[in-house]
C-alpha atoms as a PDB file:
ATOM      1  CA  MET A   1     -51.527 -86.062-139.543  1.00  0.00           C
ATOM      2  CA  GLY A   2     -51.695 -89.081-141.814  1.00  0.00           C
ATOM      3  CA  SER A   3     -50.900 -92.480-141.404  1.00  0.00           C
ATOM      4  CA  ASN A   4     -49.282 -92.277-137.527  1.00  0.00           C
ATOM      5  CA  PRO A   5     -45.624 -92.513-137.698  1.00  0.00           C
ATOM      6  CA  GLY A   6     -45.574 -94.366-134.364  1.00  0.00           C
ATOM      7  CA  ASP A   7     -47.551 -97.451-135.887  1.00  0.00           C
ATOM      8  CA  THR A   8     -44.400 -99.608-134.833  1.00  0.00           C
ATOM      9  CA  ALA A   9     -41.963 -99.532-131.981  1.00  0.00           C
ATOM     10  CA  LEU A  10     -39.027 -98.769-134.245  1.00  0.00           C
ATOM     11  CA  TYR A  11     -40.509 -96.142-136.473  1.00  0.00           C
ATOM     12  CA  ARG A  12     -41.873 -94.368-133.305  1.00  0.00           C
ATOM     13  CA  PHE A  13     -38.145 -94.524-131.699  1.00  0.00           C
ATOM     14  CA  VAL A  14     -37.037 -93.456-134.987  1.00  0.00           C
ATOM     15  CA  TRP A  15     -39.264 -90.383-134.906  1.00  0.00           C
ATOM     16  CA  ARG A  16     -39.261 -89.026-131.388  1.00  0.00           C
ATOM     17  CA  ALA A  17     -35.474 -89.635-131.413  1.00  0.00           C
ATOM     18  CA  GLY A  18     -34.781 -87.520-134.254  1.00  0.00           C
ATOM     19  CA  GLY A  19     -37.152 -84.765-132.927  1.00  0.00           C
ATOM     20  CA  ALA A  20     -34.275 -82.209-132.305  1.00  0.00           C
ATOM     21  CA  PHE A  21     -33.185 -82.599-135.917  1.00  0.00           C
ATOM     22  CA  ARG A  22     -36.573 -82.314-137.652  1.00  0.00           C
ATOM     23  CA  TYR A  23     -36.650 -79.603-140.273  1.00  0.00           C
ATOM     24  CA  ARG A  24     -39.352 -77.172-141.012  1.00  0.00           C
ATOM     25  CA  VAL A  25     -42.069 -78.398-143.191  1.00  0.00           C
ATOM     26  CA  VAL A  26     -44.126 -76.070-145.341  1.00  0.00           C
ATOM     27  CA  GLY A  27     -47.224 -77.054-147.413  1.00  0.00           C
ATOM     28  CA  ARG A  28     -48.160 -80.083-145.561  1.00  0.00           C
ATOM     29  CA  GLU A  29     -51.692 -79.197-145.123  1.00  0.00           C
ATOM     30  CA  GLN A  30     -52.031 -80.160-148.710  1.00  0.00           C
ATOM     31  CA  ALA A  31     -51.442 -83.412-148.159  1.00  0.00           C
ATOM     32  CA  GLN A  32     -54.268 -85.642-147.432  1.00  0.00           C
ATOM     33  CA  ASP A  33     -55.013 -86.846-143.871  1.00  0.00           C
ATOM     34  CA  ALA A  34     -53.810 -90.420-144.652  1.00  0.00           C
ATOM     35  CA  GLY A  35     -53.034 -92.800-147.340  1.00  0.00           C
ATOM     36  CA  PRO A  36     -52.582 -94.207-150.096  1.00  0.00           C
ATOM     37  CA  ALA A  37     -50.509 -91.684-151.700  1.00  0.00           C
ATOM     38  CA  ILE A  38     -46.626 -91.280-153.205  1.00  0.00           C
ATOM     39  CA  TYR A  39     -44.379 -88.640-152.102  1.00  0.00           C
ATOM     40  CA  VAL A  40     -41.487 -88.199-154.157  1.00  0.00           C
ATOM     41  CA  SER A  41     -38.453 -86.048-152.881  1.00  0.00           C
ATOM     42  CA  ASN A  42     -35.292 -84.674-153.978  1.00  0.00           C
ATOM     43  CA  HIS A  43     -32.147 -86.945-152.684  1.00  0.00           C
ATOM     44  CA  LEU A  44     -29.354 -84.594-151.642  1.00  0.00           C
ATOM     45  CA  ASP A  45     -27.439 -87.311-150.923  1.00  0.00           C
ATOM     46  CA  ALA A  46     -28.302 -89.162-147.800  1.00  0.00           C
ATOM     47  CA  LEU A  47     -29.802 -85.635-146.082  1.00  0.00           C
ATOM     48  CA  GLY A  48     -33.511 -85.944-148.208  1.00  0.00           C
ATOM     49  CA  PRO A  49     -34.116 -89.857-146.925  1.00  0.00           C
ATOM     50  CA  ILE A  50     -33.247 -88.846-143.454  1.00  0.00           C
ATOM     51  CA  MET A  51     -35.021 -85.558-143.142  1.00  0.00           C
ATOM     52  CA  SER A  52     -38.222 -86.692-144.814  1.00  0.00           C
ATOM     53  CA  VAL A  53     -38.623 -89.337-142.928  1.00  0.00           C
ATOM     54  CA  LEU A  54     -37.575 -87.312-139.625  1.00  0.00           C
ATOM     55  CA  SER A  55     -39.754 -84.463-140.248  1.00  0.00           C
ATOM     56  CA  ILE A  56     -42.708 -85.099-142.311  1.00  0.00           C
ATOM     57  CA  PRO A  57     -45.412 -86.364-139.831  1.00  0.00           C
ATOM     58  CA  VAL A  58     -46.842 -89.521-142.491  1.00  0.00           C
ATOM     59  CA  ARG A  59     -45.686 -93.286-141.707  1.00  0.00           C
ATOM     60  CA  PHE A  60     -43.736 -93.713-145.024  1.00  0.00           C
ATOM     61  CA  HIS A  61     -42.307 -96.821-146.250  1.00  0.00           C
ATOM     62  CA  PRO A  62     -39.198 -95.625-148.645  1.00  0.00           C
ATOM     63  CA  TRP A  63     -37.563 -96.933-151.416  1.00  0.00           C
ATOM     64  CA  VAL A  64     -34.365 -98.068-151.027  1.00  0.00           C
ATOM     65  CA  ILE A  65     -31.656 -99.611-153.058  1.00  0.00           C
ATOM     66  CA  GLY A  66     -31.579-103.433-153.134  1.00  0.00           C
ATOM     67  CA  GLU A  67     -27.849-103.990-151.781  1.00  0.00           C
ATOM     68  CA  GLN A  68     -28.979-101.460-148.583  1.00  0.00           C
ATOM     69  CA  THR A  69     -31.309-104.461-147.062  1.00  0.00           C
ATOM     70  CA  ASP A  70     -28.897-107.062-147.807  1.00  0.00           C
ATOM     71  CA  PRO A  71     -26.623-108.388-145.666  1.00  0.00           C
ATOM     72  CA  ARG A  72     -24.385-109.866-148.124  1.00  0.00           C
ATOM     73  CA  ARG A  73     -24.046-106.999-150.302  1.00  0.00           C
ATOM     74  CA  ALA A  74     -24.451-104.015-148.311  1.00  0.00           C
ATOM     75  CA  PRO A  75     -21.059-104.121-146.974  1.00  0.00           C
ATOM     76  CA  ARG A  76     -19.640-102.968-150.680  1.00  0.00           C
ATOM     77  CA  TYR A  77     -22.487-100.579-150.958  1.00  0.00           C
ATOM     78  CA  LEU A  78     -21.652 -99.013-147.780  1.00  0.00           C
ATOM     79  CA  TYR A  79     -17.733 -99.006-148.915  1.00  0.00           C
ATOM     80  CA  ASP A  80     -18.269 -97.971-152.083  1.00  0.00           C
ATOM     81  CA  ASP A  81     -21.396 -94.972-151.568  1.00  0.00           C
ATOM     82  CA  PHE A  82     -19.978 -93.563-148.164  1.00  0.00           C
ATOM     83  CA  VAL A  83     -17.624 -95.330-145.819  1.00  0.00           C
ATOM     84  CA  SER A  84     -14.634 -94.888-148.693  1.00  0.00           C
ATOM     85  CA  PRO A  85     -15.906 -91.595-150.661  1.00  0.00           C
ATOM     86  CA  ALA A  86     -16.672 -89.636-146.901  1.00  0.00           C
ATOM     87  CA  TRP A  87     -15.209 -91.130-144.499  1.00  0.00           C
ATOM     88  CA  HIS A  88     -11.979 -91.846-146.227  1.00  0.00           C
ATOM     89  CA  LEU A  89     -11.654 -95.304-145.232  1.00  0.00           C
ATOM     90  CA  ASN A  90      -9.951 -97.519-147.778  1.00  0.00           C
ATOM     91  CA  GLY A  91      -9.239-101.178-148.118  1.00  0.00           C
ATOM     92  CA  ARG A  92      -9.268-103.647-145.208  1.00  0.00           C
ATOM     93  CA  LEU A  93     -10.225-101.072-142.386  1.00  0.00           C
ATOM     94  CA  GLY A  94     -12.640 -99.436-144.948  1.00  0.00           C
ATOM     95  CA  MET A  95     -14.203-102.602-145.394  1.00  0.00           C
ATOM     96  CA  ALA A  96     -14.251-103.502-141.878  1.00  0.00           C
ATOM     97  CA  VAL A  97     -15.993-100.547-140.991  1.00  0.00           C
ATOM     98  CA  SER A  98     -18.414-100.886-143.747  1.00  0.00           C
ATOM     99  CA  TRP A  99     -19.332-104.712-142.742  1.00  0.00           C
ATOM    100  CA  ALA A 100     -19.666-103.377-138.861  1.00  0.00           C
ATOM    101  CA  LEU A 101     -22.028-100.137-140.160  1.00  0.00           C
ATOM    102  CA  SER A 102     -24.201-102.626-142.302  1.00  0.00           C
ATOM    103  CA  ARG A 103     -25.063-104.866-139.251  1.00  0.00           C
ATOM    104  CA  ILE A 104     -26.940-101.490-137.958  1.00  0.00           C
ATOM    105  CA  THR A 105     -28.287-100.410-141.251  1.00  0.00           C
ATOM    106  CA  VAL A 106     -29.694-103.540-142.965  1.00  0.00           C
ATOM    107  CA  PRO A 107     -32.225-104.265-139.646  1.00  0.00           C
ATOM    108  CA  LEU A 108     -32.765-100.618-139.575  1.00  0.00           C
ATOM    109  CA  LEU A 109     -33.737-100.225-143.208  1.00  0.00           C
ATOM    110  CA  THR A 110     -35.797-103.474-142.984  1.00  0.00           C
ATOM    111  CA  GLY A 111     -37.641-102.635-139.456  1.00  0.00           C
ATOM    112  CA  LEU A 112     -38.575 -99.360-140.735  1.00  0.00           C
ATOM    113  CA  GLY A 113     -40.636-101.109-143.484  1.00  0.00           C
ATOM    114  CA  CYS A 114     -38.500 -99.857-146.343  1.00  0.00           C
ATOM    115  CA  VAL A 115     -39.104-101.613-149.754  1.00  0.00           C
ATOM    116  CA  SER A 116     -36.425-103.192-151.702  1.00  0.00           C
ATOM    117  CA  VAL A 117     -35.860-102.372-155.286  1.00  0.00           C
ATOM    118  CA  ASP A 118     -33.275-103.994-156.763  1.00  0.00           C
ATOM    119  CA  SER A 119     -32.732-102.367-160.368  1.00  0.00           C
ATOM    120  CA  THR A 120     -29.197-103.498-160.892  1.00  0.00           C
ATOM    121  CA  ARG A 121     -30.269-106.975-160.933  1.00  0.00           C
ATOM    122  CA  HIS A 122     -33.541-106.120-162.905  1.00  0.00           C
ATOM    123  CA  GLU A 123     -35.807-107.960-160.276  1.00  0.00           C
ATOM    124  CA  THR A 124     -38.002-104.796-159.846  1.00  0.00           C
ATOM    125  CA  LEU A 125     -41.626-106.809-160.026  1.00  0.00           C
ATOM    126  CA  PRO A 126     -41.213-107.732-156.153  1.00  0.00           C
ATOM    127  CA  ALA A 127     -40.915-104.190-155.291  1.00  0.00           C
ATOM    128  CA  PHE A 128     -43.987-103.170-157.283  1.00  0.00           C
ATOM    129  CA  ARG A 129     -46.150-105.912-155.560  1.00  0.00           C
ATOM    130  CA  ARG A 130     -44.909-105.116-152.706  1.00  0.00           C
ATOM    131  CA  SER A 131     -45.390-101.572-153.284  1.00  0.00           C
ATOM    132  CA  LEU A 132     -48.993-102.358-154.438  1.00  0.00           C
ATOM    133  CA  GLU A 133     -50.004-104.134-151.329  1.00  0.00           C
ATOM    134  CA  LEU A 134     -48.858-101.395-149.473  1.00  0.00           C
ATOM    135  CA  LEU A 135     -50.707 -98.495-151.242  1.00  0.00           C
ATOM    136  CA  THR A 136     -53.929-100.804-151.723  1.00  0.00           C
ATOM    137  CA  ALA A 137     -53.832-101.109-147.774  1.00  0.00           C
ATOM    138  CA  GLY A 138     -53.554 -97.336-147.594  1.00  0.00           C
ATOM    139  CA  GLU A 139     -49.905 -96.842-146.718  1.00  0.00           C
ATOM    140  CA  ASN A 140     -47.177 -94.144-147.821  1.00  0.00           C
ATOM    141  CA  LEU A 141     -44.911 -94.482-150.259  1.00  0.00           C
ATOM    142  CA  LEU A 142     -41.332 -92.161-150.251  1.00  0.00           C
ATOM    143  CA  ILE A 143     -39.406 -92.732-153.690  1.00  0.00           C
ATOM    144  CA  PHE A 144     -36.252 -90.603-154.526  1.00  0.00           C
ATOM    145  CA  PRO A 145     -36.218 -91.167-158.371  1.00  0.00           C
ATOM    146  CA  GLU A 146     -32.931 -89.272-159.271  1.00  0.00           C
ATOM    147  CA  GLU A 147     -30.266 -90.820-161.680  1.00  0.00           C
ATOM    148  CA  ALA A 148     -27.037 -89.835-159.879  1.00  0.00           C
ATOM    149  CA  SER A 149     -24.853 -90.603-162.557  1.00  0.00           C
ATOM    150  CA  SER A 150     -26.997 -87.952-164.751  1.00  0.00           C
ATOM    151  CA  PRO A 151     -25.572 -84.352-164.885  1.00  0.00           C
ATOM    152  CA  GLU A 152     -26.579 -82.406-161.575  1.00  0.00           C
ATOM    153  CA  GLU A 153     -28.243 -79.342-162.219  1.00  0.00           C
ATOM    154  CA  PRO A 154     -26.267 -76.511-160.690  1.00  0.00           C
ATOM    155  CA  GLU A 155     -29.604 -74.459-159.578  1.00  0.00           C
ATOM    156  CA  SER A 156     -31.587 -77.037-157.544  1.00  0.00           C
ATOM    157  CA  ARG A 157     -28.823 -79.853-157.303  1.00  0.00           C
ATOM    158  CA  LEU A 158     -31.842 -82.342-159.245  1.00  0.00           C
ATOM    159  CA  HIS A 159     -30.566 -84.798-161.589  1.00  0.00           C
ATOM    160  CA  GLN A 160     -32.624 -86.826-163.965  1.00  0.00           C
ATOM    161  CA  PHE A 161     -35.893 -88.765-162.716  1.00  0.00           C
ATOM    162  CA  GLN A 162     -36.022 -92.448-163.178  1.00  0.00           C
ATOM    163  CA  CYS A 163     -39.761 -92.785-164.217  1.00  0.00           C
ATOM    164  CA  GLY A 164     -40.569 -96.330-163.475  1.00  0.00           C
ATOM    165  CA  PHE A 165     -42.151 -95.667-160.422  1.00  0.00           C
ATOM    166  CA  ILE A 166     -45.022 -93.603-162.114  1.00  0.00           C
ATOM    167  CA  GLY A 167     -46.442 -97.323-163.234  1.00  0.00           C
ATOM    168  CA  LEU A 168     -47.815 -97.527-159.882  1.00  0.00           C
ATOM    169  CA  CYS A 169     -50.491 -95.673-160.169  1.00  0.00           C
ATOM    170  CA  SER A 170     -51.995 -97.530-163.068  1.00  0.00           C
ATOM    171  CA  MET A 171     -51.430-100.698-161.073  1.00  0.00           C
ATOM    172  CA  TYR A 172     -53.659 -98.821-158.413  1.00  0.00           C
ATOM    173  CA  GLU A 173     -56.171 -97.724-160.623  1.00  0.00           C
ATOM    174  CA  ARG A 174     -56.458-100.769-161.688  1.00  0.00           C
ATOM    175  CA  ALA A 175     -56.645-102.747-158.431  1.00  0.00           C
ATOM    176  CA  THR A 176     -59.027-100.328-156.843  1.00  0.00           C
ATOM    177  CA  GLY A 177     -60.994 -97.819-159.554  1.00  0.00           C
ATOM    178  CA  ASP A 178     -58.950 -94.960-157.687  1.00  0.00           C
ATOM    179  CA  ARG A 179     -56.611 -92.453-158.845  1.00  0.00           C
ATOM    180  CA  LEU A 180     -53.449 -92.421-156.585  1.00  0.00           C
ATOM    181  CA  PRO A 181     -51.959 -88.961-155.564  1.00  0.00           C
ATOM    182  CA  ILE A 182     -48.427 -88.099-155.826  1.00  0.00           C
ATOM    183  CA  TYR A 183     -46.800 -85.208-153.673  1.00  0.00           C
ATOM    184  CA  PRO A 184     -43.698 -83.557-154.818  1.00  0.00           C
ATOM    185  CA  VAL A 185     -41.399 -82.964-151.817  1.00  0.00           C
ATOM    186  CA  ALA A 186     -38.231 -80.969-152.061  1.00  0.00           C
ATOM    187  CA  VAL A 187     -35.410 -81.015-149.040  1.00  0.00           C
ATOM    188  CA  HIS A 188     -33.602 -77.474-148.770  1.00  0.00           C
ATOM    189  CA  ALA A 189     -30.391 -78.226-146.497  1.00  0.00           C
ATOM    190  CA  GLY A 190     -29.366 -74.525-146.280  1.00  0.00           C
ATOM    191  CA  ARG A 191     -32.880 -73.281-145.327  1.00  0.00           C
ATOM    192  CA  LYS A 192     -33.280 -76.279-142.665  1.00  0.00           C
ATOM    193  CA  ALA A 193     -36.943 -76.369-144.290  1.00  0.00           C
ATOM    194  CA  ILE A 194     -39.104 -79.334-146.492  1.00  0.00           C
ATOM    195  CA  ALA A 195     -41.949 -78.044-148.704  1.00  0.00           C
ATOM    196  CA  VAL A 196     -44.386 -80.554-149.539  1.00  0.00           C
ATOM    197  CA  GLY A 197     -46.695 -79.312-152.935  1.00  0.00           C
ATOM    198  CA  GLN A 198     -49.950 -79.873-154.134  1.00  0.00           C
ATOM    199  CA  PRO A 199     -50.376 -83.805-155.658  1.00  0.00           C
ATOM    200  CA  VAL A 200     -50.070 -84.998-158.989  1.00  0.00           C
ATOM    201  CA  PHE A 201     -52.268 -87.192-161.031  1.00  0.00           C
ATOM    202  CA  HIS A 202     -50.920 -89.649-163.626  1.00  0.00           C
ATOM    203  CA  GLU A 203     -53.630 -89.644-166.524  1.00  0.00           C
ATOM    204  CA  ASN A 204     -53.526 -92.589-169.442  1.00  0.00           C
ATOM    205  CA  ARG A 205     -53.652 -90.938-172.853  1.00  0.00           C
ATOM    206  CA  GLY A 206     -53.116 -93.493-175.154  1.00  0.00           C
ATOM    207  CA  ASP A 207     -49.224 -93.742-175.705  1.00  0.00           C
ATOM    208  CA  ARG A 208     -47.977 -95.325-172.464  1.00  0.00           C
ATOM    209  CA  HIS A 209     -44.714 -94.276-172.606  1.00  0.00           C
ATOM    210  CA  VAL A 210     -45.340 -90.821-173.294  1.00  0.00           C
ATOM    211  CA  ASP A 211     -47.854 -90.607-170.652  1.00  0.00           C
ATOM    212  CA  VAL A 212     -45.596 -91.851-168.231  1.00  0.00           C
ATOM    213  CA  GLN A 213     -42.727 -89.394-169.347  1.00  0.00           C
ATOM    214  CA  ALA A 214     -45.019 -86.696-169.122  1.00  0.00           C
ATOM    215  CA  THR A 215     -46.085 -87.237-165.922  1.00  0.00           C
ATOM    216  CA  CYS A 216     -42.502 -87.905-164.327  1.00  0.00           C
ATOM    217  CA  ASP A 217     -41.496 -84.432-166.093  1.00  0.00           C
ATOM    218  CA  ARG A 218     -44.277 -82.838-164.602  1.00  0.00           C
ATOM    219  CA  LEU A 219     -43.103 -84.071-160.764  1.00  0.00           C
ATOM    220  CA  ARG A 220     -39.355 -83.013-161.370  1.00  0.00           C
ATOM    221  CA  GLU A 221     -40.580 -79.322-162.455  1.00  0.00           C
ATOM    222  CA  ARG A 222     -42.734 -79.142-159.642  1.00  0.00           C
ATOM    223  CA  VAL A 223     -40.033 -80.355-157.200  1.00  0.00           C
ATOM    224  CA  ARG A 224     -37.648 -78.282-158.833  1.00  0.00           C
ATOM    225  CA  GLU A 225     -40.077 -75.201-158.031  1.00  0.00           C
ATOM    226  CA  LEU A 226     -40.302 -76.174-154.602  1.00  0.00           C
ATOM    227  CA  TYR A 227     -36.661 -76.309-154.044  1.00  0.00           C
ATOM    228  CA  LEU A 228     -36.303 -72.865-155.314  1.00  0.00           C
ATOM    229  CA  ALA A 229     -38.840 -71.073-153.973  1.00  0.00           C
ATOM    230  CA  LEU A 230     -37.400 -72.501-150.384  1.00  0.00           C
ATOM    231  CA  GLU A 231     -33.713 -71.192-151.714  1.00  0.00           C
ATOM    232  CA  ALA A 232     -36.028 -67.806-152.615  1.00  0.00           C
ATOM    233  CA  GLY A 233     -37.973 -67.841-149.109  1.00  0.00           C
ATOM    234  CA  GLU A 234     -41.022 -67.856-151.190  1.00  0.00           C
ATOM    235  CA  GLU A 235     -42.597 -70.987-150.554  1.00  0.00           C
ATOM    236  CA  GLN A 236     -46.040 -69.517-149.590  1.00  0.00           C
ATOM    237  CA  ALA A 237     -46.878 -68.357-152.806  1.00  0.00           C
ATOM    238  CA  LEU A 238     -46.541 -72.136-154.165  1.00  0.00           C
ATOM    239  CA  TRP A 239     -50.139 -73.382-153.047  1.00  0.00           C
ATOM    240  CA  LYS A 240     -52.137 -70.735-154.565  1.00  0.00           C
ATOM    241  CA  ALA A 241     -52.800 -72.744-157.810  1.00  0.00           C
ATOM    242  CA  PRO A 242     -55.421 -75.379-158.150  1.00  0.00           C
ATOM    243  CA  GLU A 243     -54.840 -79.084-157.955  1.00  0.00           C
ATOM    244  CA  THR A 244     -52.062 -79.844-160.836  1.00  0.00           C
ATOM    245  CA  LYS A 245     -53.106 -82.890-162.713  1.00  0.00           C
ATOM    246  CA  VAL A 246     -50.887 -83.821-165.824  1.00  0.00           C
END
């Protein structure tokens, strides 16, 4: 197993409490036994983050939207993203429920060691600095890079990826001299399974924008392949190929 999921009391509690709900994990042996690494997964609304943390035996530090860890902004975020569309609670009642829910979710996400990414305020530098600190300390990040406003591909339910997180690979290599593995992950609700693929490594070939996009595209395609393999029940064939380098 990678970094111990029980290295904090809260993470240990969440890990144990979620035992009855875990999905089957396919390909976990492909991942290295310890960090640092980045795991990149599909989102599937709230299902991807929840099931990845509960099911994959790695101590993750997930990236989360900045509003989710801010006590002042979390109620509005929860109202717009979940309480109103999912529970159909609107107006004052919906906001009251959102406020009460935020009293639970904000300390929970903070206590789990999530990295707050405030892209809406264009204040991502603190998130990258914190992420680099975690990676150089041997920790693992869990990132869900889908852009929800882009069209969803019906076959895989994937949206387009936001690629900024790829910059962590160059930052890590400059800081340590080592390359950082990125593991593609696919969560499939119907199969109640998660597939972890072989690592992808970012390569700097001279054009930063082109290089980042190439790595990002390769990761998205790999997550898509894993999802469709789970869909077809053919996931074991995915780990016969050698390690992928972009």
